[in-house]
Amino acid sequence: MNPWSVLGRVSFKSLARGLWLGLGHPLFLWPTIGATRDCVRISTHHFGRLHHKNGPANAFRHALWNYLIAEACFPWTSKEERAIVWAQKITLWHEDSFPNKELARKMDLHNNAVGRDLLRQGRDREREVVIGLLLEMSGASVLIDTGTDLSQLKNQLVHIIRT
């Protein structure tokens, strides 16, 4: 992925907002980039390119991404919740900067929250255990549509297309 082509798809306003967000948490930037790279590598290892579609593999990637960002940033703060809030802010910035259709956005935000909640349940798990758990969860991912009440699926991954 070419970073310059990615930046070319982001509006100036979103770029400025991302810069402002990063300046507020400079110690979290490198861990976030590393967590993002790890997430894509792990997702590609397990799913190939399927994680770029809106199926269970994408649900896995979003949950893992949020988990890994918060986990990577925790050593740079004394408060676990601060790292979790950062993961929420930076991934929300991503969703705002690279907009999806409404249902895909809801799916992504829901799966992002599942990953952060997983970290809240226990940061002491080995990475391979977390990956295994998320793989199981992706296998049980729920197909949703516009009428689905996501509040009823709080601890479950969701997807919008069959793959």
N, C-alpha and C. Protein backbone atom coordinates (compact mmCIF):
# COMPACT_ATOMS: atom_id res chain seq x y z
N MET A 1 0.84 -1.17 0.00
CA MET A 1 0.00 0.00 0.00
C MET A 1 0.89 1.24 0.00
N ASN A 2 0.63 2.12 -0.92
CA ASN A 2 1.38 3.35 -1.05
C ASN A 2 0.78 4.42 -0.14
N PRO A 3 1.53 4.89 0.88
CA PRO A 3 0.99 5.89 1.80
C PRO A 3 0.55 7.17 1.11
N TRP A 4 1.22 7.54 0.03
CA TRP A 4 0.86 8.78 -0.66
C TRP A 4 -0.48 8.65 -1.37
N SER A 5 -0.78 7.49 -1.93
CA SER A 5 -2.08 7.32 -2.58
C SER A 5 -3.20 7.28 -1.53
N VAL A 6 -2.89 6.72 -0.36
CA VAL A 6 -3.88 6.71 0.73
C VAL A 6 -4.15 8.14 1.19
N LEU A 7 -3.09 8.91 1.41
CA LEU A 7 -3.27 10.30 1.85
C LEU A 7 -4.01 11.13 0.81
N GLY A 8 -3.86 10.77 -0.46
CA GLY A 8 -4.56 11.49 -1.53
C GLY A 8 -6.07 11.32 -1.47
N ARG A 9 -6.54 10.26 -0.78
CA ARG A 9 -7.97 10.02 -0.66
C ARG A 9 -8.59 10.72 0.55
N VAL A 10 -7.76 11.36 1.37
CA VAL A 10 -8.24 12.00 2.60
C VAL A 10 -8.39 13.49 2.36
N SER A 11 -9.49 14.04 2.82
CA SER A 11 -9.71 15.48 2.68
C SER A 11 -8.73 16.25 3.56
N PHE A 12 -8.51 17.50 3.22
CA PHE A 12 -7.62 18.34 4.01
C PHE A 12 -8.12 18.44 5.45
N LYS A 13 -9.44 18.57 5.61
CA LYS A 13 -10.03 18.68 6.95
C LYS A 13 -9.75 17.42 7.77
N SER A 14 -9.90 16.25 7.16
CA SER A 14 -9.63 15.00 7.87
C SER A 14 -8.15 14.86 8.19
N LEU A 15 -7.31 15.27 7.26
CA LEU A 15 -5.87 15.22 7.48
C LEU A 15 -5.49 16.12 8.66
N ALA A 16 -6.05 17.32 8.69
CA ALA A 16 -5.77 18.25 9.78
C ALA A 16 -6.28 17.68 11.11
N ARG A 17 -7.46 17.07 11.09
CA ARG A 17 -8.01 16.47 12.30
C ARG A 17 -7.12 15.32 12.78
N GLY A 18 -6.62 14.52 11.86
CA GLY A 18 -5.72 13.43 12.22
C GLY A 18 -4.41 13.94 12.79
N LEU A 19 -3.88 15.00 12.21
CA LEU A 19 -2.66 15.62 12.71
C LEU A 19 -2.87 16.15 14.13
N TRP A 20 -3.98 16.81 14.34
CA TRP A 20 -4.31 17.35 15.66
C TRP A 20 -4.45 16.22 16.68
N LEU A 21 -5.10 15.15 16.28
CA LEU A 21 -5.28 13.98 17.14
C LEU A 21 -3.91 13.40 17.51
N GLY A 22 -3.04 13.26 16.52
CA GLY A 22 -1.70 12.73 16.75
C GLY A 22 -0.85 13.62 17.63
N LEU A 23 -0.96 14.93 17.44
CA LEU A 23 -0.18 15.85 18.26
C LEU A 23 -0.60 15.79 19.73
N GLY A 24 -1.87 15.43 19.95
CA GLY A 24 -2.36 15.30 21.32
C GLY A 24 -1.86 14.04 22.01
N HIS A 25 -1.40 13.08 21.24
CA HIS A 25 -0.94 11.80 21.80
C HIS A 25 0.30 11.32 21.02
N PRO A 26 1.37 12.08 21.00
CA PRO A 26 2.52 11.73 20.14
C PRO A 26 3.15 10.38 20.49
N LEU A 27 3.11 9.97 21.74
CA LEU A 27 3.72 8.69 22.11
C LEU A 27 2.93 7.49 21.61
N PHE A 28 1.70 7.72 21.19
CA PHE A 28 0.86 6.63 20.71
C PHE A 28 0.99 6.40 19.20
N LEU A 29 1.65 7.31 18.48
CA LEU A 29 1.68 7.19 17.02
C LEU A 29 2.44 5.97 16.53
N TRP A 30 3.68 5.76 16.97
CA TRP A 30 4.45 4.60 16.49
C TRP A 30 3.81 3.29 16.92
N PRO A 31 3.35 3.16 18.17
CA PRO A 31 2.68 1.91 18.53
C PRO A 31 1.42 1.65 17.69
N THR A 32 0.72 2.71 17.33
CA THR A 32 -0.49 2.57 16.51
C THR A 32 -0.13 2.09 15.11
N ILE A 33 0.91 2.66 14.54
CA ILE A 33 1.35 2.24 13.21
C ILE A 33 1.80 0.78 13.24
N GLY A 34 2.56 0.43 14.26
CA GLY A 34 3.01 -0.96 14.40
C GLY A 34 1.85 -1.93 14.57
N ALA A 35 0.88 -1.55 15.40
CA ALA A 35 -0.29 -2.40 15.62
C ALA A 35 -1.09 -2.55 14.33
N THR A 36 -1.17 -1.49 13.55
CA THR A 36 -1.90 -1.55 12.27
C THR A 36 -1.20 -2.50 11.31
N ARG A 37 0.09 -2.41 11.22
CA ARG A 37 0.86 -3.32 10.35
C ARG A 37 0.69 -4.77 10.80
N ASP A 38 0.80 -4.99 12.11
CA ASP A 38 0.64 -6.35 12.63
C ASP A 38 -0.75 -6.89 12.32
N CYS A 39 -1.75 -6.04 12.49
CA CYS A 39 -3.13 -6.45 12.24
C CYS A 39 -3.34 -6.87 10.79
N VAL A 40 -2.85 -6.09 9.87
CA VAL A 40 -3.01 -6.42 8.45
C VAL A 40 -2.24 -7.71 8.13
N ARG A 41 -1.04 -7.85 8.67
CA ARG A 41 -0.24 -9.06 8.43
C ARG A 41 -0.95 -10.30 8.97
N ILE A 42 -1.45 -10.22 10.18
CA ILE A 42 -2.14 -11.35 10.80
C ILE A 42 -3.42 -11.67 10.04
N SER A 43 -4.18 -10.66 9.69
CA SER A 43 -5.44 -10.86 8.96
C SER A 43 -5.19 -11.49 7.60
N THR A 44 -4.16 -11.03 6.91
CA THR A 44 -3.81 -11.60 5.61
C THR A 44 -3.35 -13.05 5.76
N HIS A 45 -2.60 -13.33 6.80
CA HIS A 45 -2.15 -14.70 7.06
C HIS A 45 -3.33 -15.65 7.22
N HIS A 46 -4.35 -15.22 7.94
CA HIS A 46 -5.48 -16.10 8.24
C HIS A 46 -6.57 -16.08 7.16
N PHE A 47 -6.70 -14.97 6.44
CA PHE A 47 -7.84 -14.83 5.53
C PHE A 47 -7.48 -14.44 4.10
N GLY A 48 -6.22 -14.24 3.81
CA GLY A 48 -5.89 -13.74 2.49
C GLY A 48 -6.46 -12.34 2.32
N ARG A 49 -6.97 -12.05 1.16
CA ARG A 49 -7.53 -10.71 0.91
C ARG A 49 -8.99 -10.58 1.33
N LEU A 50 -9.58 -11.65 1.84
CA LEU A 50 -10.98 -11.60 2.27
C LEU A 50 -11.24 -10.55 3.36
N HIS A 51 -10.21 -10.20 4.12
CA HIS A 51 -10.44 -9.22 5.19
C HIS A 51 -10.68 -7.81 4.64
N HIS A 52 -10.55 -7.63 3.33
CA HIS A 52 -10.86 -6.33 2.72
C HIS A 52 -12.32 -6.25 2.29
N LYS A 53 -13.06 -7.33 2.42
CA LYS A 53 -14.49 -7.32 2.10
C LYS A 53 -15.25 -7.17 3.41
N ASN A 54 -16.56 -7.09 3.37
CA ASN A 54 -17.35 -6.85 4.58
C ASN A 54 -17.92 -8.13 5.19
N GLY A 55 -17.11 -9.19 5.17
CA GLY A 55 -17.52 -10.45 5.74
C GLY A 55 -16.90 -10.69 7.10
N PRO A 56 -16.95 -11.94 7.59
CA PRO A 56 -16.39 -12.28 8.90
C PRO A 56 -14.90 -11.96 9.03
N ALA A 57 -14.14 -12.07 7.96
CA ALA A 57 -12.71 -11.75 8.01
C ALA A 57 -12.50 -10.27 8.32
N ASN A 58 -13.34 -9.42 7.77
CA ASN A 58 -13.27 -7.98 8.04
C ASN A 58 -13.63 -7.71 9.50
N ALA A 59 -14.63 -8.43 10.01
CA ALA A 59 -15.01 -8.30 11.42
C ALA A 59 -13.82 -8.64 12.31
N PHE A 60 -13.15 -9.74 11.98
CA PHE A 60 -11.94 -10.15 12.71
C PHE A 60 -10.90 -9.03 12.69
N ARG A 61 -10.63 -8.49 11.50
CA ARG A 61 -9.59 -7.47 11.37
C ARG A 61 -9.91 -6.23 12.20
N HIS A 62 -11.13 -5.77 12.17
CA HIS A 62 -11.48 -4.56 12.94
C HIS A 62 -11.36 -4.78 14.44
N ALA A 63 -11.83 -5.91 14.93
CA ALA A 63 -11.73 -6.19 16.36
C ALA A 63 -10.26 -6.33 16.77
N LEU A 64 -9.49 -7.07 15.97
CA LEU A 64 -8.08 -7.25 16.28
C LEU A 64 -7.34 -5.92 16.24
N TRP A 65 -7.65 -5.09 15.26
CA TRP A 65 -6.99 -3.79 15.13
C TRP A 65 -7.15 -2.96 16.39
N ASN A 66 -8.36 -2.86 16.88
CA ASN A 66 -8.61 -2.07 18.09
C ASN A 66 -7.91 -2.67 19.30
N TYR A 67 -7.95 -3.98 19.42
CA TYR A 67 -7.28 -4.66 20.52
C TYR A 67 -5.77 -4.35 20.47
N LEU A 68 -5.17 -4.54 19.30
CA LEU A 68 -3.73 -4.35 19.17
C LEU A 68 -3.29 -2.91 19.38
N ILE A 69 -4.09 -1.96 18.91
CA ILE A 69 -3.73 -0.55 19.13
C ILE A 69 -3.72 -0.24 20.62
N ALA A 70 -4.78 -0.61 21.32
CA ALA A 70 -4.84 -0.32 22.76
C ALA A 70 -3.73 -1.06 23.50
N GLU A 71 -3.49 -2.30 23.14
CA GLU A 71 -2.44 -3.09 23.79
C GLU A 71 -1.07 -2.45 23.56
N ALA A 72 -0.80 -2.01 22.34
CA ALA A 72 0.50 -1.42 22.01
C ALA A 72 0.70 -0.06 22.69
N CYS A 73 -0.37 0.67 22.90
CA CYS A 73 -0.25 2.01 23.49
C CYS A 73 -0.23 1.98 25.02
N PHE A 74 -0.70 0.89 25.60
CA PHE A 74 -0.76 0.83 27.07
C PHE A 74 0.58 1.11 27.76
N PRO A 75 1.69 0.56 27.27
CA PRO A 75 2.96 0.85 27.97
C PRO A 75 3.33 2.34 28.01
N TRP A 76 2.70 3.15 27.18
CA TRP A 76 3.02 4.57 27.11
C TRP A 76 2.11 5.43 27.97
N THR A 77 1.23 4.77 28.74
CA THR A 77 0.34 5.51 29.63
C THR A 77 0.17 4.69 30.90
N SER A 78 -0.20 5.36 31.98
CA SER A 78 -0.40 4.64 33.24
C SER A 78 -1.83 4.13 33.38
N LYS A 79 -2.68 4.49 32.42
CA LYS A 79 -4.10 4.13 32.52
C LYS A 79 -4.54 3.33 31.30
N GLU A 80 -5.01 2.12 31.56
CA GLU A 80 -5.48 1.26 30.47
C GLU A 80 -6.58 1.95 29.66
N GLU A 81 -7.49 2.61 30.35
CA GLU A 81 -8.62 3.24 29.66
C GLU A 81 -8.16 4.32 28.70
N ARG A 82 -7.07 5.00 29.01
CA ARG A 82 -6.55 6.03 28.10
C ARG A 82 -6.12 5.41 26.77
N ALA A 83 -5.48 4.25 26.83
CA ALA A 83 -5.07 3.55 25.61
C ALA A 83 -6.29 3.07 24.83
N ILE A 84 -7.32 2.63 25.54
CA ILE A 84 -8.55 2.16 24.90
C ILE A 84 -9.28 3.33 24.23
N VAL A 85 -9.34 4.45 24.91
CA VAL A 85 -9.98 5.64 24.33
C VAL A 85 -9.21 6.11 23.10
N TRP A 86 -7.87 6.03 23.15
CA TRP A 86 -7.08 6.37 21.97
C TRP A 86 -7.45 5.47 20.79
N ALA A 87 -7.53 4.17 21.05
CA ALA A 87 -7.89 3.23 19.98
C ALA A 87 -9.25 3.61 19.39
N GLN A 88 -10.18 4.00 20.24
CA GLN A 88 -11.50 4.41 19.76
C GLN A 88 -11.40 5.68 18.92
N LYS A 89 -10.66 6.65 19.40
CA LYS A 89 -10.54 7.92 18.68
C LYS A 89 -9.85 7.76 17.32
N ILE A 90 -8.75 7.01 17.29
CA ILE A 90 -7.99 6.92 16.04
C ILE A 90 -8.75 6.07 15.01
N THR A 91 -9.47 5.04 15.46
CA THR A 91 -10.22 4.23 14.50
C THR A 91 -11.49 4.95 14.06
N LEU A 92 -12.06 5.79 14.92
CA LEU A 92 -13.20 6.62 14.50
C LEU A 92 -12.72 7.65 13.48
N TRP A 93 -11.53 8.21 13.71
CA TRP A 93 -10.96 9.13 12.72
C TRP A 93 -10.82 8.42 11.38
N HIS A 94 -10.35 7.19 11.40
CA HIS A 94 -10.20 6.41 10.17
C HIS A 94 -11.55 6.24 9.47
N GLU A 95 -12.58 5.88 10.23
CA GLU A 95 -13.92 5.69 9.64
C GLU A 95 -14.46 6.99 9.06
N ASP A 96 -14.19 8.10 9.73
CA ASP A 96 -14.64 9.40 9.24
C ASP A 96 -13.86 9.84 8.00
N SER A 97 -12.57 9.50 7.96
CA SER A 97 -11.70 9.94 6.87
C SER A 97 -11.85 9.10 5.60
N PHE A 98 -12.23 7.84 5.77
CA PHE A 98 -12.43 6.92 4.65
C PHE A 98 -13.86 6.38 4.74
N PRO A 99 -14.84 7.21 4.39
CA PRO A 99 -16.24 6.86 4.64
C PRO A 99 -16.73 5.63 3.87
N ASN A 100 -17.58 4.88 4.55
CA ASN A 100 -18.27 3.71 4.01
C ASN A 100 -19.75 4.02 3.89
N LYS A 101 -20.47 3.09 3.31
CA LYS A 101 -21.93 3.18 3.36
C LYS A 101 -22.36 3.00 4.82
N GLU A 102 -23.57 3.44 5.13
CA GLU A 102 -24.02 3.48 6.53
C GLU A 102 -23.93 2.13 7.24
N LEU A 103 -24.40 1.06 6.60
CA LEU A 103 -24.38 -0.24 7.27
C LEU A 103 -22.95 -0.74 7.47
N ALA A 104 -22.09 -0.53 6.51
CA ALA A 104 -20.69 -0.94 6.65
C ALA A 104 -20.01 -0.16 7.78
N ARG A 105 -20.33 1.11 7.91
CA ARG A 105 -19.78 1.92 8.99
C ARG A 105 -20.25 1.40 10.35
N LYS A 106 -21.55 1.11 10.45
CA LYS A 106 -22.08 0.57 11.72
C LYS A 106 -21.39 -0.74 12.07
N MET A 107 -21.21 -1.59 11.06
CA MET A 107 -20.54 -2.87 11.26
C MET A 107 -19.11 -2.64 11.77
N ASP A 108 -18.37 -1.76 11.12
CA ASP A 108 -16.99 -1.49 11.52
C ASP A 108 -16.92 -0.94 12.94
N LEU A 109 -17.76 0.02 13.26
CA LEU A 109 -17.74 0.62 14.60
C LEU A 109 -18.10 -0.42 15.66
N HIS A 110 -19.05 -1.27 15.35
CA HIS A 110 -19.45 -2.33 16.29
C HIS A 110 -18.28 -3.29 16.53
N ASN A 111 -17.64 -3.76 15.46
CA ASN A 111 -16.54 -4.70 15.60
C ASN A 111 -15.33 -4.05 16.27
N ASN A 112 -15.11 -2.77 16.02
CA ASN A 112 -14.05 -2.04 16.73
C ASN A 112 -14.30 -2.09 18.24
N ALA A 113 -15.56 -1.86 18.64
CA ALA A 113 -15.90 -1.88 20.06
C ALA A 113 -15.71 -3.27 20.66
N VAL A 114 -16.02 -4.30 19.91
CA VAL A 114 -15.81 -5.66 20.40
C VAL A 114 -14.33 -5.88 20.73
N GLY A 115 -13.45 -5.41 19.88
CA GLY A 115 -12.01 -5.55 20.13
C GLY A 115 -11.57 -4.81 21.38
N ARG A 116 -12.06 -3.60 21.56
CA ARG A 116 -11.70 -2.82 22.76
C ARG A 116 -12.26 -3.48 24.02
N ASP A 117 -13.48 -3.99 23.92
CA ASP A 117 -14.08 -4.67 25.08
C ASP A 117 -13.30 -5.93 25.44
N LEU A 118 -12.79 -6.60 24.43
CA LEU A 118 -11.99 -7.80 24.67
C LEU A 118 -10.74 -7.44 25.48
N LEU A 119 -10.14 -6.31 25.18
CA LEU A 119 -8.98 -5.87 25.95
C LEU A 119 -9.39 -5.53 27.38
N ARG A 120 -10.52 -4.89 27.55
CA ARG A 120 -11.01 -4.55 28.90
C ARG A 120 -11.21 -5.81 29.75
N GLN A 121 -11.58 -6.90 29.09
CA GLN A 121 -11.83 -8.15 29.81
C GLN A 121 -10.54 -8.82 30.28
N GLY A 122 -9.42 -8.42 29.76
CA GLY A 122 -8.16 -9.00 30.22
C GLY A 122 -7.02 -8.74 29.28
N ARG A 123 -6.14 -7.87 29.70
CA ARG A 123 -5.00 -7.48 28.90
C ARG A 123 -3.85 -8.47 29.04
N ASP A 124 -3.99 -9.41 29.96
CA ASP A 124 -2.89 -10.34 30.25
C ASP A 124 -2.87 -11.57 29.35
N ARG A 125 -3.76 -11.65 28.39
CA ARG A 125 -3.77 -12.79 27.47
C ARG A 125 -2.61 -12.70 26.49
N GLU A 126 -2.09 -13.86 26.13
CA GLU A 126 -1.07 -13.92 25.07
C GLU A 126 -1.73 -13.54 23.75
N ARG A 127 -0.97 -12.94 22.87
CA ARG A 127 -1.50 -12.49 21.58
C ARG A 127 -2.11 -13.66 20.81
N GLU A 128 -1.48 -14.81 20.81
CA GLU A 128 -2.01 -15.97 20.08
C GLU A 128 -3.35 -16.42 20.63
N VAL A 129 -3.55 -16.27 21.92
CA VAL A 129 -4.84 -16.61 22.54
C VAL A 129 -5.93 -15.65 22.03
N VAL A 130 -5.60 -14.37 21.99
CA VAL A 130 -6.55 -13.36 21.50
C VAL A 130 -6.88 -13.62 20.04
N ILE A 131 -5.88 -13.92 19.24
CA ILE A 131 -6.11 -14.21 17.83
C ILE A 131 -7.02 -15.43 17.69
N GLY A 132 -6.74 -16.48 18.46
CA GLY A 132 -7.58 -17.68 18.43
C GLY A 132 -9.02 -17.39 18.83
N LEU A 133 -9.19 -16.58 19.86
CA LEU A 133 -10.53 -16.20 20.30
C LEU A 133 -11.26 -15.42 19.21
N LEU A 134 -10.58 -14.47 18.59
CA LEU A 134 -11.20 -13.69 17.52
C LEU A 134 -11.48 -14.54 16.28
N LEU A 135 -10.63 -15.51 16.01
CA LEU A 135 -10.91 -16.43 14.90
C LEU A 135 -12.19 -17.22 15.17
N GLU A 136 -12.35 -17.69 16.41
CA GLU A 136 -13.59 -18.38 16.79
C GLU A 136 -14.79 -17.45 16.65
N MET A 137 -14.62 -16.22 17.13
CA MET A 137 -15.71 -15.25 17.06
C MET A 137 -16.06 -14.92 15.61
N SER A 138 -15.06 -14.87 14.74
CA SER A 138 -15.34 -14.57 13.33
C SER A 138 -16.10 -15.73 12.69
N GLY A 139 -15.81 -16.95 13.14
CA GLY A 139 -16.55 -18.11 12.65
C GLY A 139 -18.01 -18.10 13.05
N ALA A 140 -18.30 -17.41 14.15
CA ALA A 140 -19.68 -17.29 14.63
C ALA A 140 -20.26 -15.91 14.35
N SER A 141 -19.58 -15.12 13.51
CA SER A 141 -20.01 -13.77 13.20
C SER A 141 -21.45 -13.78 12.66
N VAL A 142 -22.21 -12.76 13.04
CA VAL A 142 -23.62 -12.68 12.69
C VAL A 142 -23.82 -11.80 11.46
N LEU A 143 -24.54 -12.31 10.48
CA LEU A 143 -24.89 -11.54 9.29
C LEU A 143 -25.98 -10.55 9.68
N ILE A 144 -25.75 -9.27 9.43
CA ILE A 144 -26.71 -8.24 9.82
C ILE A 144 -27.24 -7.52 8.59
N ASP A 145 -28.35 -6.80 8.80
CA ASP A 145 -28.89 -5.92 7.78
C ASP A 145 -29.32 -4.62 8.46
N THR A 146 -29.96 -3.75 7.72
CA THR A 146 -30.31 -2.42 8.27
C THR A 146 -31.28 -2.51 9.44
N GLY A 147 -32.02 -3.59 9.57
CA GLY A 147 -32.98 -3.73 10.66
C GLY A 147 -32.41 -4.38 11.91
N THR A 148 -31.16 -4.77 11.89
CA THR A 148 -30.55 -5.47 13.04
C THR A 148 -30.27 -4.49 14.17
N ASP A 149 -30.65 -4.92 15.39
CA ASP A 149 -30.37 -4.14 16.59
C ASP A 149 -29.00 -4.57 17.12
N LEU A 150 -27.98 -3.79 16.85
CA LEU A 150 -26.62 -4.16 17.23
C LEU A 150 -26.42 -4.19 18.75
N SER A 151 -27.26 -3.51 19.49
CA SER A 151 -27.11 -3.54 20.94
C SER A 151 -27.38 -4.94 21.49
N GLN A 152 -28.07 -5.77 20.73
CA GLN A 152 -28.34 -7.15 21.14
C GLN A 152 -27.16 -8.08 20.81
N LEU A 153 -26.16 -7.56 20.11
CA LEU A 153 -25.03 -8.36 19.67
C LEU A 153 -23.71 -7.82 20.24
N LYS A 154 -23.77 -7.27 21.44
CA LYS A 154 -22.65 -6.54 22.03
C LYS A 154 -21.33 -7.29 22.02
N ASN A 155 -21.32 -8.56 22.33
CA ASN A 155 -20.08 -9.32 22.42
C ASN A 155 -19.87 -10.25 21.24
N GLN A 156 -20.49 -9.93 20.12
CA GLN A 156 -20.37 -10.76 18.93
C GLN A 156 -19.87 -9.93 17.75
N LEU A 157 -19.08 -10.56 16.91
CA LEU A 157 -18.67 -9.91 15.68
C LEU A 157 -19.82 -9.99 14.69
N VAL A 158 -19.89 -8.99 13.80
CA VAL A 158 -20.96 -8.94 12.80
C VAL A 158 -20.37 -8.66 11.43
N HIS A 159 -21.11 -9.07 10.41
CA HIS A 159 -20.69 -8.82 9.02
C HIS A 159 -21.92 -8.56 8.17
N ILE A 160 -21.69 -8.04 6.93
CA ILE A 160 -22.84 -7.69 6.09
C ILE A 160 -22.87 -8.44 4.76
N ILE A 161 -21.83 -9.19 4.46
CA ILE A 161 -21.87 -10.01 3.23
C ILE A 161 -21.39 -11.42 3.55
N ARG A 162 -21.93 -12.36 2.82
CA ARG A 162 -21.46 -13.75 2.94
C ARG A 162 -20.22 -13.90 2.07
N THR A 163 -19.23 -14.61 2.59
CA THR A 163 -18.03 -14.84 1.79
C THR A 163 -17.74 -16.31 1.69
